[in-house]
Amino acid sequence: MATLRSLKIKTSTCKRLERELHSYEKEVETEAAKTAKMKENGADPYDLKQQENVLAESRMMIPDCRKRLESSLADLKATLAELEELNQKEGAEIEEARTTISQVESLFPTSSTSESEIL
């Protein structure tokens, strides 16, 4: 059974994962710039290889974080729908959940249903 407490937890989880995704994207940009600068300056091949590995690891984190965010978003939507069925359609937690859902959905240009059908 969905409660306002579980809705608040799922909303916070979505917000945290959204911040984490932005952090990874920013990290990839920073590491890519650092790698390009090392290539320009003719850095030691070993150091350059290590930096490329760091960049590759950063890039691998983005799809994983997106999957976790999509899953968290689906949980939040389900909890919100369950609460709305129980006639709890107003309140600060409900509005915060709706706002979070719209913010997170804006990160995904394609519909989440087509992606979930693939899985």
N, C-alpha and C. Protein backbone atom coordinates (compact mmCIF):
# COMPACT_ATOMS: atom_id res chain seq x y z
N MET A 1 0.84 -1.19 0.00
CA MET A 1 0.00 0.00 0.00
C MET A 1 0.88 1.24 0.00
N ALA A 2 0.55 2.15 -0.86
CA ALA A 2 1.33 3.38 -0.98
C ALA A 2 0.97 4.35 0.14
N THR A 3 1.99 5.00 0.65
CA THR A 3 1.78 6.02 1.67
C THR A 3 2.48 7.30 1.23
N LEU A 4 2.14 8.39 1.89
CA LEU A 4 2.81 9.65 1.58
C LEU A 4 4.30 9.56 1.89
N ARG A 5 4.64 8.79 2.91
CA ARG A 5 6.05 8.62 3.27
C ARG A 5 6.82 7.93 2.13
N SER A 6 6.23 6.85 1.58
CA SER A 6 6.90 6.15 0.49
C SER A 6 6.98 7.04 -0.76
N LEU A 7 5.96 7.87 -0.97
CA LEU A 7 5.98 8.81 -2.10
C LEU A 7 7.12 9.81 -1.92
N LYS A 8 7.28 10.30 -0.72
CA LYS A 8 8.34 11.27 -0.44
C LYS A 8 9.72 10.63 -0.65
N ILE A 9 9.89 9.40 -0.23
CA ILE A 9 11.16 8.69 -0.41
C ILE A 9 11.45 8.49 -1.89
N LYS A 10 10.46 8.06 -2.66
CA LYS A 10 10.65 7.82 -4.09
C LYS A 10 10.91 9.14 -4.84
N THR A 11 10.30 10.22 -4.39
CA THR A 11 10.54 11.53 -4.99
C THR A 11 11.98 11.95 -4.73
N SER A 12 12.44 11.77 -3.51
CA SER A 12 13.82 12.12 -3.16
C SER A 12 14.82 11.27 -3.94
N THR A 13 14.50 10.01 -4.14
CA THR A 13 15.37 9.12 -4.92
C THR A 13 15.50 9.61 -6.36
N CYS A 14 14.38 10.00 -6.95
CA CYS A 14 14.42 10.52 -8.33
C CYS A 14 15.26 11.79 -8.40
N LYS A 15 15.09 12.66 -7.44
CA LYS A 15 15.86 13.91 -7.44
C LYS A 15 17.36 13.63 -7.29
N ARG A 16 17.70 12.69 -6.41
CA ARG A 16 19.11 12.34 -6.21
C ARG A 16 19.72 11.76 -7.48
N LEU A 17 18.99 10.86 -8.12
CA LEU A 17 19.50 10.24 -9.35
C LEU A 17 19.60 11.26 -10.48
N GLU A 18 18.70 12.23 -10.50
CA GLU A 18 18.79 13.28 -11.52
C GLU A 18 20.07 14.10 -11.31
N ARG A 19 20.35 14.46 -10.05
CA ARG A 19 21.59 15.20 -9.75
C ARG A 19 22.81 14.36 -10.09
N GLU A 20 22.75 13.07 -9.80
CA GLU A 20 23.86 12.16 -10.09
C GLU A 20 24.10 12.08 -11.59
N LEU A 21 23.04 12.01 -12.38
CA LEU A 21 23.17 11.95 -13.83
C LEU A 21 23.84 13.22 -14.36
N HIS A 22 23.40 14.37 -13.87
CA HIS A 22 24.02 15.64 -14.29
C HIS A 22 25.49 15.69 -13.89
N SER A 23 25.79 15.16 -12.73
CA SER A 23 27.18 15.13 -12.26
C SER A 23 28.05 14.28 -13.18
N TYR A 24 27.56 13.10 -13.57
CA TYR A 24 28.32 12.23 -14.47
C TYR A 24 28.50 12.89 -15.84
N GLU A 25 27.46 13.55 -16.33
CA GLU A 25 27.57 14.22 -17.63
C GLU A 25 28.62 15.34 -17.57
N LYS A 26 28.63 16.07 -16.47
CA LYS A 26 29.62 17.14 -16.30
C LYS A 26 31.03 16.55 -16.20
N GLU A 27 31.14 15.43 -15.49
CA GLU A 27 32.43 14.77 -15.34
C GLU A 27 32.97 14.30 -16.69
N VAL A 28 32.11 13.79 -17.55
CA VAL A 28 32.53 13.35 -18.88
C VAL A 28 33.06 14.54 -19.68
N GLU A 29 32.37 15.66 -19.61
CA GLU A 29 32.83 16.86 -20.31
C GLU A 29 34.21 17.29 -19.81
N THR A 30 34.39 17.30 -18.50
CA THR A 30 35.66 17.71 -17.91
C THR A 30 36.78 16.76 -18.30
N GLU A 31 36.52 15.47 -18.20
CA GLU A 31 37.55 14.48 -18.53
C GLU A 31 37.87 14.49 -20.03
N ALA A 32 36.86 14.73 -20.86
CA ALA A 32 37.11 14.80 -22.31
C ALA A 32 38.00 15.99 -22.63
N ALA A 33 37.75 17.12 -21.98
CA ALA A 33 38.59 18.30 -22.20
C ALA A 33 40.01 18.05 -21.72
N LYS A 34 40.12 17.38 -20.58
CA LYS A 34 41.45 17.07 -20.03
C LYS A 34 42.21 16.13 -20.97
N THR A 35 41.51 15.13 -21.52
CA THR A 35 42.14 14.20 -22.46
C THR A 35 42.59 14.92 -23.72
N ALA A 36 41.74 15.80 -24.25
CA ALA A 36 42.10 16.55 -25.46
C ALA A 36 43.31 17.43 -25.20
N LYS A 37 43.36 18.04 -24.05
CA LYS A 37 44.50 18.90 -23.71
C LYS A 37 45.78 18.08 -23.60
N MET A 38 45.67 16.89 -23.02
CA MET A 38 46.84 16.02 -22.91
C MET A 38 47.35 15.61 -24.30
N LYS A 39 46.42 15.34 -25.22
CA LYS A 39 46.81 14.97 -26.59
C LYS A 39 47.50 16.14 -27.28
N GLU A 40 46.96 17.35 -27.09
CA GLU A 40 47.56 18.54 -27.68
C GLU A 40 48.99 18.77 -27.19
N ASN A 41 49.18 18.56 -25.89
CA ASN A 41 50.48 18.82 -25.28
C ASN A 41 51.46 17.67 -25.47
N GLY A 42 51.05 16.61 -26.13
CA GLY A 42 51.93 15.48 -26.36
C GLY A 42 52.32 14.77 -25.08
N ALA A 43 51.35 14.47 -24.27
CA ALA A 43 51.60 13.83 -22.97
C ALA A 43 52.18 12.42 -23.17
N ASP A 44 52.75 11.90 -22.12
CA ASP A 44 53.30 10.55 -22.10
C ASP A 44 52.20 9.56 -22.50
N PRO A 45 52.49 8.61 -23.38
CA PRO A 45 51.46 7.66 -23.83
C PRO A 45 50.80 6.89 -22.69
N TYR A 46 51.57 6.55 -21.66
CA TYR A 46 50.99 5.83 -20.53
C TYR A 46 49.98 6.71 -19.80
N ASP A 47 50.35 7.96 -19.55
CA ASP A 47 49.43 8.89 -18.87
C ASP A 47 48.18 9.13 -19.70
N LEU A 48 48.38 9.25 -21.00
CA LEU A 48 47.25 9.47 -21.90
C LEU A 48 46.31 8.27 -21.88
N LYS A 49 46.87 7.07 -21.90
CA LYS A 49 46.06 5.86 -21.85
C LYS A 49 45.26 5.79 -20.55
N GLN A 50 45.90 6.15 -19.45
CA GLN A 50 45.21 6.15 -18.15
C GLN A 50 44.05 7.16 -18.16
N GLN A 51 44.30 8.32 -18.72
CA GLN A 51 43.26 9.35 -18.79
C GLN A 51 42.10 8.89 -19.68
N GLU A 52 42.42 8.20 -20.77
CA GLU A 52 41.37 7.67 -21.63
C GLU A 52 40.54 6.61 -20.90
N ASN A 53 41.19 5.83 -20.04
CA ASN A 53 40.46 4.84 -19.24
C ASN A 53 39.51 5.53 -18.26
N VAL A 54 39.97 6.62 -17.65
CA VAL A 54 39.12 7.39 -16.73
C VAL A 54 37.91 7.93 -17.49
N LEU A 55 38.14 8.46 -18.68
CA LEU A 55 37.05 8.98 -19.50
C LEU A 55 36.06 7.88 -19.87
N ALA A 56 36.58 6.72 -20.25
CA ALA A 56 35.71 5.59 -20.62
C ALA A 56 34.85 5.14 -19.43
N GLU A 57 35.45 5.09 -18.24
CA GLU A 57 34.69 4.71 -17.05
C GLU A 57 33.59 5.72 -16.75
N SER A 58 33.91 6.99 -16.93
CA SER A 58 32.90 8.03 -16.70
C SER A 58 31.75 7.89 -17.68
N ARG A 59 32.08 7.61 -18.93
CA ARG A 59 31.03 7.44 -19.94
C ARG A 59 30.15 6.22 -19.66
N MET A 60 30.73 5.17 -19.10
CA MET A 60 29.96 3.96 -18.79
C MET A 60 28.95 4.19 -17.68
N MET A 61 29.19 5.17 -16.83
CA MET A 61 28.29 5.42 -15.70
C MET A 61 26.98 6.07 -16.15
N ILE A 62 27.00 6.80 -17.24
CA ILE A 62 25.79 7.52 -17.67
C ILE A 62 24.64 6.58 -18.03
N PRO A 63 24.85 5.55 -18.87
CA PRO A 63 23.72 4.65 -19.17
C PRO A 63 23.18 3.93 -17.93
N ASP A 64 24.09 3.53 -17.03
CA ASP A 64 23.68 2.87 -15.80
C ASP A 64 22.81 3.80 -14.96
N CYS A 65 23.24 5.03 -14.83
CA CYS A 65 22.49 6.01 -14.04
C CYS A 65 21.13 6.30 -14.68
N ARG A 66 21.10 6.38 -16.01
CA ARG A 66 19.83 6.60 -16.71
C ARG A 66 18.85 5.46 -16.45
N LYS A 67 19.34 4.22 -16.47
CA LYS A 67 18.48 3.07 -16.21
C LYS A 67 17.92 3.12 -14.80
N ARG A 68 18.77 3.46 -13.84
CA ARG A 68 18.30 3.56 -12.46
C ARG A 68 17.28 4.68 -12.31
N LEU A 69 17.50 5.79 -13.01
CA LEU A 69 16.57 6.91 -12.95
C LEU A 69 15.23 6.54 -13.59
N GLU A 70 15.27 5.84 -14.71
CA GLU A 70 14.03 5.39 -15.36
C GLU A 70 13.25 4.46 -14.44
N SER A 71 13.94 3.55 -13.80
CA SER A 71 13.30 2.62 -12.88
C SER A 71 12.68 3.36 -11.69
N SER A 72 13.43 4.29 -11.15
CA SER A 72 12.95 5.09 -10.02
C SER A 72 11.74 5.93 -10.43
N LEU A 73 11.77 6.47 -11.64
CA LEU A 73 10.65 7.26 -12.15
C LEU A 73 9.40 6.39 -12.28
N ALA A 74 9.56 5.17 -12.77
CA ALA A 74 8.42 4.26 -12.90
C ALA A 74 7.83 3.94 -11.53
N ASP A 75 8.70 3.72 -10.54
CA ASP A 75 8.22 3.46 -9.17
C ASP A 75 7.45 4.66 -8.62
N LEU A 76 7.98 5.85 -8.87
CA LEU A 76 7.33 7.07 -8.38
C LEU A 76 5.97 7.24 -9.03
N LYS A 77 5.89 7.01 -10.34
CA LYS A 77 4.61 7.14 -11.03
C LYS A 77 3.59 6.14 -10.50
N ALA A 78 4.04 4.91 -10.26
CA ALA A 78 3.14 3.88 -9.75
C ALA A 78 2.62 4.24 -8.36
N THR A 79 3.51 4.74 -7.52
CA THR A 79 3.11 5.13 -6.16
C THR A 79 2.14 6.29 -6.21
N LEU A 80 2.42 7.27 -7.05
CA LEU A 80 1.53 8.42 -7.19
C LEU A 80 0.16 7.99 -7.69
N ALA A 81 0.13 7.10 -8.68
CA ALA A 81 -1.15 6.61 -9.22
C ALA A 81 -1.94 5.86 -8.15
N GLU A 82 -1.23 5.08 -7.35
CA GLU A 82 -1.90 4.33 -6.28
C GLU A 82 -2.51 5.27 -5.24
N LEU A 83 -1.77 6.32 -4.90
CA LEU A 83 -2.30 7.30 -3.94
C LEU A 83 -3.49 8.05 -4.52
N GLU A 84 -3.43 8.36 -5.81
CA GLU A 84 -4.55 9.06 -6.44
C GLU A 84 -5.80 8.18 -6.48
N GLU A 85 -5.60 6.87 -6.62
CA GLU A 85 -6.74 5.95 -6.57
C GLU A 85 -7.39 5.94 -5.19
N LEU A 86 -6.58 6.22 -4.18
CA LEU A 86 -7.09 6.26 -2.80
C LEU A 86 -7.61 7.65 -2.44
N ASN A 87 -7.80 8.49 -3.47
CA ASN A 87 -8.33 9.84 -3.33
C ASN A 87 -7.44 10.79 -2.56
N GLN A 88 -6.15 10.56 -2.60
CA GLN A 88 -5.19 11.51 -2.04
C GLN A 88 -4.56 12.25 -3.22
N LYS A 89 -5.25 13.29 -3.67
CA LYS A 89 -4.84 13.98 -4.88
C LYS A 89 -4.24 15.36 -4.61
N GLU A 90 -4.19 15.76 -3.36
CA GLU A 90 -3.66 17.07 -3.04
C GLU A 90 -2.67 16.97 -1.89
N GLY A 91 -1.82 17.97 -1.80
CA GLY A 91 -0.84 18.01 -0.72
C GLY A 91 0.54 18.35 -1.27
N ALA A 92 1.39 18.78 -0.38
CA ALA A 92 2.74 19.19 -0.78
C ALA A 92 3.52 18.03 -1.39
N GLU A 93 3.41 16.84 -0.80
CA GLU A 93 4.14 15.68 -1.30
C GLU A 93 3.68 15.29 -2.70
N ILE A 94 2.38 15.37 -2.93
CA ILE A 94 1.81 15.02 -4.23
C ILE A 94 2.30 16.00 -5.30
N GLU A 95 2.25 17.29 -4.98
CA GLU A 95 2.70 18.31 -5.93
C GLU A 95 4.19 18.19 -6.22
N GLU A 96 4.97 17.92 -5.17
CA GLU A 96 6.41 17.75 -5.35
C GLU A 96 6.70 16.55 -6.25
N ALA A 97 5.94 15.47 -6.06
CA ALA A 97 6.12 14.27 -6.89
C ALA A 97 5.78 14.58 -8.36
N ARG A 98 4.69 15.30 -8.58
CA ARG A 98 4.31 15.65 -9.96
C ARG A 98 5.37 16.53 -10.62
N THR A 99 5.90 17.49 -9.86
CA THR A 99 6.95 18.36 -10.39
C THR A 99 8.19 17.56 -10.74
N THR A 100 8.58 16.66 -9.86
CA THR A 100 9.75 15.83 -10.09
C THR A 100 9.55 14.94 -11.31
N ILE A 101 8.37 14.38 -11.45
CA ILE A 101 8.08 13.53 -12.61
C ILE A 101 8.25 14.32 -13.90
N SER A 102 7.71 15.54 -13.95
CA SER A 102 7.82 16.33 -15.18
C SER A 102 9.27 16.73 -15.45
N GLN A 103 10.03 17.02 -14.40
CA GLN A 103 11.45 17.38 -14.58
C GLN A 103 12.24 16.20 -15.12
N VAL A 104 12.03 15.04 -14.56
CA VAL A 104 12.78 13.85 -14.97
C VAL A 104 12.35 13.42 -16.38
N GLU A 105 11.06 13.49 -16.67
CA GLU A 105 10.60 13.10 -18.01
C GLU A 105 11.19 14.00 -19.08
N SER A 106 11.49 15.25 -18.74
CA SER A 106 12.07 16.16 -19.73
C SER A 106 13.49 15.73 -20.11
N LEU A 107 14.14 14.91 -19.28
CA LEU A 107 15.48 14.41 -19.58
C LEU A 107 15.46 13.31 -20.64
N PHE A 108 14.31 12.65 -20.79
CA PHE A 108 14.19 11.55 -21.71
C PHE A 108 13.36 11.99 -22.91
N PRO A 109 14.02 12.24 -24.06
CA PRO A 109 13.30 12.75 -25.22
C PRO A 109 12.30 11.75 -25.81
N THR A 110 12.58 10.45 -25.67
CA THR A 110 11.64 9.45 -26.18
C THR A 110 10.73 9.02 -25.06
N SER A 111 9.63 8.40 -25.40
CA SER A 111 8.71 7.96 -24.37
C SER A 111 9.31 6.78 -23.61
N SER A 112 9.05 6.75 -22.32
CA SER A 112 9.62 5.68 -21.49
C SER A 112 8.93 4.35 -21.75
N THR A 113 7.71 4.36 -22.30
CA THR A 113 7.02 3.10 -22.55
C THR A 113 7.71 2.30 -23.64
N SER A 114 8.21 2.98 -24.68
CA SER A 114 8.87 2.25 -25.75
C SER A 114 10.18 1.64 -25.28
N GLU A 115 10.86 2.31 -24.35
CA GLU A 115 12.10 1.77 -23.81
C GLU A 115 11.82 0.60 -22.88
N SER A 116 10.74 0.67 -22.11
CA SER A 116 10.44 -0.42 -21.20
C SER A 116 9.96 -1.66 -21.96
N GLU A 117 9.35 -1.46 -23.13
CA GLU A 117 8.92 -2.60 -23.94
C GLU A 117 10.12 -3.36 -24.48
N ILE A 118 11.22 -2.65 -24.73
CA ILE A 118 12.43 -3.28 -25.23
C ILE A 118 13.03 -4.17 -24.15
N LEU A 119 12.98 -3.72 -22.91
CA LEU A 119 13.55 -4.49 -21.80
C LEU A 119 12.64 -5.65 -21.53
